[in-house]
Amino acid sequence: MAGQKYDDADMQAPLYLRTTEEMLEEFSYLGRDKAYEVVVTNTNLISDMCEAISPISKEKCPPYIEGCEKTIEDIAMNKAKELYGDPLPEIVGTRLKKELDSIIKNRFFCYVYNCTKISLEIK
């Protein structure tokens, strides 16, 4: 709001998610039992009525190719052994494992696989 030159940009309400304890304190004027009902019991009832949905459609998720993770690992390991010998030097093996773990954990393996395929086809 400050970037849009609003005069009252610095006078905003304190908007943030409160903890259960903070909410119980906010509703303490109702008494302990009623505050608990409003803050905890009713909130959970409403939550139970809601259907779980994903904010991202399945069509927008990263692609998945069966066995792709293993293929990427094999390609990387074979190339590393070609370049550095077998067994791999410890520093190379450690770094390779770190990079592959990051790629696989973050589900980028299909992208890497497709780039690898394209690179191999160009050669």
Protein backbone atom coordinates (compact mmCIF):
# COMPACT_ATOMS: atom_id res chain seq x y z
CA MET A 1 0.00 0.00 0.00
CA ALA A 2 2.93 2.33 0.66
CA GLY A 3 4.14 1.69 -2.90
CA GLN A 4 0.76 2.88 -4.15
CA LYS A 5 1.13 6.10 -2.10
CA TYR A 6 -1.75 5.51 0.35
CA ASP A 7 -1.57 8.09 3.15
CA ASP A 8 -2.59 5.56 5.81
CA ALA A 9 -0.30 2.74 4.64
CA ASP A 10 1.42 2.64 8.03
CA MET A 11 -1.86 2.50 9.97
CA GLN A 12 -3.02 -1.02 9.13
CA ALA A 13 -4.94 -3.37 11.38
CA PRO A 14 -2.80 -6.15 12.87
CA LEU A 15 -3.73 -8.91 10.44
CA TYR A 16 -2.07 -12.22 11.17
CA LEU A 17 -3.04 -15.75 12.13
CA ARG A 18 -3.42 -16.02 15.87
CA THR A 19 -2.54 -19.07 17.94
CA THR A 20 -5.25 -20.96 19.80
CA GLU A 21 -4.09 -19.34 23.05
CA GLU A 22 -4.30 -15.86 21.50
CA MET A 23 -7.80 -16.57 20.21
CA LEU A 24 -8.93 -17.90 23.60
CA GLU A 25 -7.62 -14.68 25.11
CA GLU A 26 -9.52 -12.59 22.51
CA PHE A 27 -12.75 -14.37 23.44
CA SER A 28 -12.10 -14.56 27.17
CA TYR A 29 -14.97 -12.13 27.81
CA LEU A 30 -17.32 -15.04 26.97
CA GLY A 31 -15.99 -17.14 29.82
CA ARG A 32 -13.60 -20.10 29.59
CA ASP A 33 -16.09 -22.76 28.40
CA LYS A 34 -17.86 -20.58 25.83
CA ALA A 35 -14.55 -19.22 24.51
CA TYR A 36 -13.29 -22.79 24.03
CA GLU A 37 -16.51 -23.70 22.20
CA VAL A 38 -16.22 -20.72 19.86
CA VAL A 39 -12.47 -20.97 19.24
CA VAL A 40 -11.84 -24.73 19.22
CA THR A 41 -15.04 -26.80 19.04
CA ASN A 42 -16.88 -24.76 16.40
CA THR A 43 -13.75 -24.22 14.31
CA ASN A 44 -13.17 -27.97 14.18
CA LEU A 45 -16.83 -28.59 13.28
CA ILE A 46 -16.55 -26.20 10.36
CA SER A 47 -13.25 -27.75 9.29
CA ASP A 48 -14.82 -31.23 9.32
CA MET A 49 -17.55 -29.98 6.95
CA CYS A 50 -15.01 -28.79 4.38
CA GLU A 51 -13.82 -30.94 1.52
CA ALA A 52 -10.05 -31.17 1.14
CA ILE A 53 -8.96 -29.70 -2.18
CA SER A 54 -5.65 -28.89 -3.79
CA PRO A 55 -4.99 -25.30 -4.86
CA ILE A 56 -3.12 -26.67 -7.87
CA SER A 57 -4.87 -28.77 -10.47
CA LYS A 58 -3.41 -32.15 -11.34
CA GLU A 59 -2.85 -30.92 -14.89
CA LYS A 60 -0.45 -28.27 -13.52
CA CYS A 61 1.63 -30.70 -11.47
CA PRO A 62 5.07 -31.79 -12.60
CA PRO A 63 4.95 -34.60 -15.16
CA TYR A 64 5.72 -38.12 -14.06
CA ILE A 65 7.44 -40.78 -16.12
CA GLU A 66 7.54 -44.24 -14.56
CA GLY A 67 11.09 -45.19 -13.50
CA CYS A 68 12.47 -41.79 -14.41
CA GLU A 69 14.18 -41.26 -11.04
CA LYS A 70 16.18 -44.46 -11.43
CA THR A 71 17.07 -43.64 -15.04
CA ILE A 72 18.42 -40.22 -14.02
CA GLU A 73 20.46 -41.80 -11.23
CA ASP A 74 21.87 -44.41 -13.64
CA ILE A 75 22.77 -41.84 -16.30
CA ALA A 76 24.45 -39.57 -13.75
CA MET A 77 26.31 -42.43 -12.07
CA ASN A 78 27.53 -43.88 -15.37
CA LYS A 79 28.73 -40.48 -16.59
CA ALA A 80 30.48 -39.78 -13.28
CA LYS A 81 32.25 -43.15 -13.41
CA GLU A 82 33.24 -42.47 -17.02
CA LEU A 83 34.74 -39.12 -16.01
CA TYR A 84 36.20 -39.93 -12.58
CA GLY A 85 36.66 -43.72 -12.54
CA ASP A 86 35.13 -46.57 -10.57
CA PRO A 87 34.96 -46.40 -7.64
CA LEU A 88 34.10 -42.71 -7.59
CA PRO A 89 36.24 -40.40 -5.48
CA GLU A 90 34.39 -39.70 -2.21
CA ILE A 91 33.98 -35.98 -2.93
CA VAL A 92 32.37 -36.72 -6.32
CA GLY A 93 30.06 -39.41 -4.92
CA THR A 94 28.96 -37.14 -2.05
CA ARG A 95 28.23 -34.22 -4.37
CA LEU A 96 26.44 -36.43 -6.89
CA LYS A 97 24.23 -37.87 -4.15
CA LYS A 98 23.43 -34.37 -2.85
CA GLU A 99 22.45 -33.12 -6.31
CA LEU A 100 20.40 -36.21 -7.20
CA ASP A 101 18.61 -36.14 -3.83
CA SER A 102 17.66 -32.51 -4.43
CA ILE A 103 16.40 -33.22 -7.95
CA ILE A 104 14.37 -36.24 -6.87
CA LYS A 105 13.00 -34.76 -3.63
CA ASN A 106 11.77 -31.67 -5.47
CA ARG A 107 10.29 -33.81 -8.27
CA PHE A 108 12.39 -32.24 -11.04
CA PHE A 109 13.57 -35.61 -12.32
CA CYS A 110 11.25 -35.65 -15.35
CA TYR A 111 12.47 -32.24 -16.45
CA VAL A 112 16.09 -33.31 -16.02
CA TYR A 113 15.37 -36.59 -17.80
CA ASN A 114 13.80 -34.81 -20.78
CA CYS A 115 16.72 -32.35 -20.99
CA THR A 116 19.15 -35.27 -20.80
CA LYS A 117 17.32 -37.12 -23.58
CA ILE A 118 17.39 -34.02 -25.79
CA SER A 119 21.09 -33.48 -25.05
CA LEU A 120 21.93 -37.10 -25.90
CA GLU A 121 19.89 -36.93 -29.13
CA ILE A 122 21.73 -33.79 -30.26
CA LYS A 123 25.16 -35.44 -29.93
